[in-house]
């Protein structure tokens, strides 16, 4: 099904409100969902929204939580999401983050006690659109193993980097420490599709290409030990430094009534303080790389309308119907 942006926003906002979220939560989450769709990150757009809707209904996400924001030192911001969504905490700290990065040249933001952050690139992309270079990571419920362990020890622990580009869209890199994101495996299982080798192991710890068996098992890190090391570094930042739950201790984001209580760690800097013509230099360099055949992340995406599989929209709408009888959006 194809939607204009405003129509897609109305659908998302209405459903989020229907399951009990307050206006601030609904607006923040709606913007994040639509941004993911427009960025081509559809696995964490409407396809991921049912995880939030179910979380609101089952109590894993507070429907009206007010984030607690502190400034322990001039170049640091801490956010306690209070079992709410990470997007709202980021929204409320955003302008102060911009101001402090511009004033001090660099600022760190930590967030704890939140539900999954959704599309990690959403956070760095917004900062790049305001002229900042940033790098971010987060953790999640443990669903990834290492080849030596065979047990769930890390979340997918992604890392995202974004930078402003003169006269162009920001450069945004967003990738998991796992060989793929869990939502990709789950979506393949729902479509009864196979997955590539090296993505996951089954519940017995054996490599599998059967997505349905992979859902019961665990993801594996990309690049073997090197990917696992990156996952560990991201875990230390996203859970250790922020004070959030370690992935091994985080309740499920898909079941039960407890918040995963995971973390987000982000550093942003004003590039002109270090290199006055940075956006222009980066634009020139990216053009050189593209001419040499290098794939520039995101450069192929030109989304103006939002295409969502009908089964995804039906699933999203079903939450409103379930919570409000037969009212339809």
Protein backbone atom coordinates (compact mmCIF):
# COMPACT_ATOMS: atom_id res chain seq x y z
CA UNK A 1 0.00 0.00 0.00
CA UNK A 2 1.32 3.44 -0.91
CA UNK A 3 0.82 6.48 1.29
CA UNK A 4 1.67 10.14 1.16
CA UNK A 5 3.80 11.17 4.12
CA UNK A 6 1.01 13.04 5.92
CA UNK A 7 -1.37 10.11 5.55
CA UNK A 8 1.23 7.68 6.87
CA UNK A 9 1.86 9.98 9.84
CA UNK A 10 -1.84 10.08 10.65
CA UNK A 11 -2.09 6.30 10.62
CA UNK A 12 0.91 5.86 12.91
CA UNK A 13 -0.11 8.65 15.29
CA UNK A 14 -3.72 7.45 15.57
CA UNK A 15 -2.76 3.87 16.34
CA UNK A 16 -0.16 4.91 18.95
CA UNK A 17 -2.74 7.12 20.63
CA UNK A 18 -5.33 4.34 20.46
CA UNK A 19 -3.20 2.02 22.58
CA UNK A 20 -2.95 4.63 25.34
CA UNK A 21 0.19 6.70 24.63
CA UNK A 22 0.01 10.39 25.40
CA UNK A 23 0.39 13.07 22.75
CA UNK A 24 4.12 13.71 23.29
CA UNK A 25 4.96 10.01 23.08
CA UNK A 26 2.76 9.52 20.00
CA UNK A 27 4.30 12.46 18.15
CA UNK A 28 7.89 11.45 18.91
CA UNK A 29 7.37 7.84 17.90
CA UNK A 30 5.42 8.79 14.77
CA UNK A 31 8.23 11.05 13.55
CA UNK A 32 10.77 8.27 14.10
CA UNK A 33 8.67 5.68 12.24
CA UNK A 34 8.14 7.95 9.24
CA UNK A 35 11.80 9.02 9.21
CA UNK A 36 12.89 5.37 9.06
CA UNK A 37 10.54 4.73 6.14
CA UNK A 38 11.78 7.77 4.22
CA UNK A 39 15.40 6.78 4.88
CA UNK A 40 14.77 3.35 3.40
CA UNK A 41 15.13 1.61 6.79
CA UNK A 42 11.76 -0.10 6.51
CA UNK A 43 12.58 -2.95 8.88
CA UNK A 44 12.52 -0.39 11.72
CA UNK A 45 9.66 1.70 10.33
CA UNK A 46 6.08 0.45 10.19
CA UNK A 47 7.31 -3.14 10.41
CA UNK A 48 8.76 -2.39 13.86
CA UNK A 49 5.79 -0.35 15.10
CA UNK A 50 3.81 -3.41 16.35
CA UNK A 51 6.64 -4.07 18.84
CA UNK A 52 5.94 -0.66 20.34
CA UNK A 53 2.16 -1.04 20.21
CA UNK A 54 2.32 -4.38 21.97
CA UNK A 55 4.77 -2.90 24.47
CA UNK A 56 2.36 -0.09 25.31
CA UNK A 57 -0.52 -2.51 25.79
CA UNK A 58 1.45 -5.04 27.85
CA UNK A 59 3.23 -2.50 30.05
CA UNK A 60 6.76 -2.88 28.66
CA UNK A 61 6.63 0.79 27.66
CA UNK A 62 5.24 3.56 29.87
CA UNK A 63 2.50 5.34 27.92
CA UNK A 64 3.02 8.71 29.62
CA UNK A 65 6.55 8.67 31.01
CA UNK A 66 8.33 12.02 31.34
CA UNK A 67 12.10 11.69 30.76
CA UNK A 68 14.43 13.06 33.42
CA UNK A 69 17.21 15.17 31.90
CA UNK A 70 20.33 16.32 33.76
CA UNK A 71 23.49 18.24 32.85
CA UNK A 72 26.22 16.86 35.16
CA UNK A 73 28.92 18.92 33.41
CA UNK A 74 28.64 21.52 30.61
CA UNK A 75 29.48 19.09 27.80
CA UNK A 76 27.38 16.14 28.98
CA UNK A 77 23.66 15.34 29.02
CA UNK A 78 22.10 12.38 30.78
CA UNK A 79 18.56 11.17 30.14
CA UNK A 80 16.57 8.68 32.17
CA UNK A 81 13.78 7.53 29.86
CA UNK A 82 11.83 6.20 32.86
CA UNK A 83 10.70 3.09 31.00
CA UNK A 84 9.45 5.15 28.09
CA UNK A 85 10.59 5.48 24.48
CA UNK A 86 14.10 6.67 23.67
CA UNK A 87 12.79 8.98 20.93
CA UNK A 88 10.97 11.22 23.40
CA UNK A 89 14.00 11.59 25.64
CA UNK A 90 16.12 12.48 22.63
CA UNK A 91 13.54 14.98 21.39
CA UNK A 92 13.45 16.76 24.71
CA UNK A 93 17.25 16.95 24.95
CA UNK A 94 17.82 17.72 21.26
CA UNK A 95 18.00 21.50 21.21
CA UNK A 96 20.18 21.59 24.31
CA UNK A 97 22.47 19.03 22.66
CA UNK A 98 22.79 21.27 19.59
CA UNK A 99 23.49 24.33 21.73
CA UNK A 100 26.12 22.68 23.89
CA UNK A 101 27.90 21.04 20.94
CA UNK A 102 28.05 24.43 19.23
CA UNK A 103 29.27 26.13 22.42
CA UNK A 104 31.83 23.60 23.65
CA UNK A 105 32.69 21.89 20.36
CA UNK A 106 31.74 18.43 21.58
CA UNK A 107 29.08 16.94 23.84
CA UNK A 108 28.18 13.44 25.03
CA UNK A 109 24.64 12.22 25.64
CA UNK A 110 23.73 9.10 27.57
CA UNK A 111 20.29 7.57 27.95
CA UNK A 112 19.19 4.73 30.18
CA UNK A 113 16.01 2.89 31.13
CA UNK A 114 14.35 2.95 27.70
CA UNK A 115 12.66 0.60 25.26
CA UNK A 116 14.48 -0.21 22.02
CA UNK A 117 15.78 2.89 20.23
CA UNK A 118 14.31 1.90 16.85
CA UNK A 119 16.40 3.16 13.94
CA UNK A 120 19.74 4.25 15.40
CA UNK A 121 20.50 6.33 12.31
CA UNK A 122 17.50 8.51 13.18
CA UNK A 123 19.47 10.10 16.01
CA UNK A 124 22.71 10.77 14.14
CA UNK A 125 20.93 11.84 10.93
CA UNK A 126 19.00 14.55 12.79
CA UNK A 127 22.21 15.91 14.23
CA UNK A 128 23.91 15.92 10.83
CA UNK A 129 20.97 17.87 9.43
CA UNK A 130 21.83 20.51 12.02
CA UNK A 131 25.51 20.55 11.05
CA UNK A 132 26.99 18.17 13.61
CA UNK A 133 29.12 15.05 13.20
CA UNK A 134 28.02 12.30 15.57
CA UNK A 135 28.49 8.66 16.45
CA UNK A 136 26.02 6.62 18.48
CA UNK A 137 25.46 3.13 19.77
CA UNK A 138 22.84 1.29 21.80
CA UNK A 139 22.29 -2.12 23.27
CA UNK A 140 19.21 -4.35 23.48
CA UNK A 141 17.86 -7.55 24.92
CA UNK A 142 20.53 -10.24 24.47
CA UNK A 143 19.89 -12.06 21.20
CA UNK A 144 23.42 -12.48 19.84
CA UNK A 145 26.10 -15.00 20.67
CA UNK A 146 29.76 -15.49 19.89
CA UNK A 147 31.18 -18.58 18.25
CA UNK A 148 32.92 -19.54 21.49
CA UNK A 149 30.00 -18.95 23.86
CA UNK A 150 26.86 -20.24 22.19
CA UNK A 151 24.83 -18.27 24.74
CA UNK A 152 22.94 -14.97 24.45
CA UNK A 153 25.42 -12.34 25.60
CA UNK A 154 24.85 -9.14 23.55
CA UNK A 155 22.13 -7.25 21.78
CA UNK A 156 22.69 -6.51 18.10
CA UNK A 157 24.58 -3.47 19.44
CA UNK A 158 24.60 -1.28 16.33
CA UNK A 159 26.75 1.75 15.62
CA UNK A 160 25.69 4.77 13.60
CA UNK A 161 27.77 7.64 12.24
CA UNK A 162 26.52 10.73 10.44
CA UNK A 163 28.08 13.90 9.06
CA UNK A 164 26.81 16.96 7.17
CA UNK A 165 27.56 17.22 3.46
CA UNK A 166 27.56 20.57 1.64
CA UNK A 167 24.62 20.89 -0.77
CA UNK A 168 23.51 17.33 -0.18
CA UNK A 169 21.97 14.83 2.16
CA UNK A 170 24.01 13.86 5.23
CA UNK A 171 26.27 10.84 5.12
CA UNK A 172 24.65 8.28 7.43
CA UNK A 173 26.09 4.87 8.29
CA UNK A 174 23.98 2.61 10.48
CA UNK A 175 24.86 -1.04 10.97
CA UNK A 176 24.53 -3.75 13.57
CA UNK A 177 27.40 -5.63 15.20
CA UNK A 178 25.47 -8.78 14.33
CA UNK A 179 25.51 -10.11 10.79
CA UNK A 180 21.98 -8.71 10.46
CA UNK A 181 19.27 -7.14 12.61
CA UNK A 182 16.82 -9.42 14.42
CA UNK A 183 13.85 -7.80 12.68
CA UNK A 184 15.23 -9.00 9.33
CA UNK A 185 15.30 -12.59 10.57
CA UNK A 186 11.82 -12.31 12.05
CA UNK A 187 10.43 -10.79 8.86
CA UNK A 188 11.97 -13.62 6.82
CA UNK A 189 10.40 -16.16 9.19
CA UNK A 190 6.99 -14.55 8.79
CA UNK A 191 7.36 -14.78 4.99
CA UNK A 192 8.67 -18.35 5.25
CA UNK A 193 11.92 -17.31 3.52
CA UNK A 194 15.43 -18.61 4.01
CA UNK A 195 18.23 -16.42 5.36
CA UNK A 196 21.88 -16.27 4.23
CA UNK A 197 24.50 -18.43 5.87
CA UNK A 198 26.31 -16.73 8.72
CA UNK A 199 23.33 -14.80 10.04
CA UNK A 200 22.22 -17.03 12.89
CA UNK A 201 22.35 -20.31 14.76
CA UNK A 202 19.37 -22.44 15.83
CA UNK A 203 18.40 -23.19 19.42
CA UNK A 204 21.05 -25.92 19.50
CA UNK A 205 23.78 -23.50 18.47
CA UNK A 206 24.12 -24.88 14.95
CA UNK A 207 24.31 -22.57 11.91
CA UNK A 208 21.00 -22.38 10.04
CA UNK A 209 19.47 -20.75 6.97
CA UNK A 210 15.93 -21.56 8.16
CA UNK A 211 14.55 -18.25 9.43
CA UNK A 212 11.95 -20.00 11.59
CA UNK A 213 14.69 -21.93 13.37
CA UNK A 214 16.85 -18.81 13.61
CA UNK A 215 14.08 -16.95 15.46
CA UNK A 216 14.25 -19.66 18.11
CA UNK A 217 18.04 -19.41 18.19
CA UNK A 218 20.51 -16.53 18.23
CA UNK A 219 22.16 -14.08 15.88
CA UNK A 220 25.92 -14.15 15.38
CA UNK A 221 28.38 -11.30 15.06
CA UNK A 222 29.62 -10.24 11.64
CA UNK A 223 33.24 -11.06 10.93
CA UNK A 224 33.65 -13.59 13.71
CA UNK A 225 35.81 -12.42 16.63
CA UNK A 226 36.27 -8.92 15.18
CA UNK A 227 32.54 -8.31 15.09
CA UNK A 228 32.16 -9.75 18.57
CA UNK A 229 34.81 -7.35 19.84
CA UNK A 230 32.91 -4.43 18.34
CA UNK A 231 29.72 -5.67 20.01
CA UNK A 232 31.58 -5.75 23.33
CA UNK A 233 32.83 -2.18 22.88
CA UNK A 234 29.35 -0.97 22.02
CA UNK A 235 27.95 -2.81 25.06
CA UNK A 236 30.46 -1.11 27.36
CA UNK A 237 29.41 2.32 26.04
CA UNK A 238 25.66 1.74 25.70
CA UNK A 239 25.11 -0.20 28.93
CA UNK A 240 28.21 0.30 31.05
CA UNK A 241 28.76 4.04 30.67
CA UNK A 242 25.05 4.91 30.62
CA UNK A 243 24.16 2.77 33.65
CA UNK A 244 21.51 0.90 31.64
CA UNK A 245 20.84 -2.82 31.83
CA UNK A 246 23.51 -5.03 30.35
CA UNK A 247 21.98 -6.89 27.43
CA UNK A 248 22.19 -10.17 29.37
CA UNK A 249 20.06 -8.61 32.13
CA UNK A 250 17.55 -6.77 29.94
CA UNK A 251 14.00 -8.17 29.94
CA UNK A 252 12.58 -9.12 26.55
CA UNK A 253 11.38 -6.32 24.29
CA UNK A 254 8.77 -8.71 22.85
CA UNK A 255 7.30 -10.48 25.88
CA UNK A 256 6.28 -9.84 29.47
CA UNK A 257 5.49 -6.55 31.20
CA UNK A 258 8.96 -5.30 32.17
CA UNK A 259 10.88 -2.62 30.29
CA UNK A 260 14.15 -3.77 28.69
CA UNK A 261 15.75 -0.72 30.33
CA UNK A 262 18.50 -0.47 27.72
CA UNK A 263 20.86 2.39 26.89
CA UNK A 264 21.94 4.83 24.20
CA UNK A 265 25.35 6.50 24.03
CA UNK A 266 26.06 9.36 21.63
CA UNK A 267 28.85 11.87 21.01
CA UNK A 268 28.32 14.91 18.78
CA UNK A 269 30.81 17.54 17.66
CA UNK A 270 30.81 20.73 15.63
CA UNK A 271 33.21 19.97 12.75
CA UNK A 272 33.94 23.60 11.78
CA UNK A 273 35.78 24.07 15.07
CA UNK A 274 38.37 21.62 13.80
CA UNK A 275 38.06 22.06 10.03
CA UNK A 276 36.36 25.25 8.84
CA UNK A 277 35.31 23.88 5.45
CA UNK A 278 34.45 20.33 6.57
CA UNK A 279 31.05 19.94 4.83
CA UNK A 280 32.56 21.04 1.52
CA UNK A 281 35.61 18.79 1.92
CA UNK A 282 33.39 15.82 2.75
CA UNK A 283 31.14 16.51 -0.25
CA UNK A 284 34.17 16.58 -2.57
CA UNK A 285 35.63 13.42 -1.07
CA UNK A 286 32.37 11.48 -1.33
CA UNK A 287 32.09 12.49 -4.99
CA UNK A 288 35.64 11.20 -5.59
CA UNK A 289 34.84 7.92 -3.89
CA UNK A 290 31.62 7.51 -5.86
CA UNK A 291 33.52 8.11 -9.12
CA UNK A 292 35.83 5.26 -8.10
CA UNK A 293 32.89 2.90 -7.64
CA UNK A 294 32.58 3.15 -3.86
CA UNK A 295 29.03 2.70 -2.61
CA UNK A 296 28.06 5.71 -0.51
CA UNK A 297 25.53 4.64 2.17
CA UNK A 298 22.07 6.05 1.57
CA UNK A 299 22.95 7.72 -1.71
CA UNK A 300 20.67 5.37 -3.67
CA UNK A 301 17.56 6.13 -1.60
CA UNK A 302 15.06 8.54 -3.12
CA UNK A 303 11.84 7.89 -1.19
CA UNK A 304 9.00 10.38 -1.59
CA UNK A 305 6.03 8.14 -0.91
CA UNK A 306 5.84 5.39 1.67
CA UNK A 307 5.19 1.84 0.53
CA UNK A 308 4.09 -0.54 3.27
CA UNK A 309 3.03 -4.16 2.73
CA UNK A 310 -0.72 -4.50 3.29
CA UNK A 311 -0.18 -7.20 5.91
CA UNK A 312 2.00 -4.80 7.93
CA UNK A 313 -0.63 -2.05 7.84
CA UNK A 314 -3.32 -4.57 8.75
CA UNK A 315 -1.26 -5.71 11.72
CA UNK A 316 -0.65 -2.13 12.85
CA UNK A 317 -4.33 -1.25 12.59
CA UNK A 318 -5.35 -4.40 14.43
CA UNK A 319 -3.89 -3.01 17.65
CA UNK A 320 -6.26 -0.06 17.54
CA UNK A 321 -9.18 -2.34 16.71
CA UNK A 322 -8.22 -4.67 19.56
CA UNK A 323 -8.04 -1.85 22.08
CA UNK A 324 -11.06 0.12 20.86
CA UNK A 325 -13.47 -2.44 19.53
CA UNK A 326 -14.37 -2.07 15.88
CA UNK A 327 -13.22 1.52 15.36
CA UNK A 328 -11.12 1.67 12.22
CA UNK A 329 -8.51 4.21 11.25
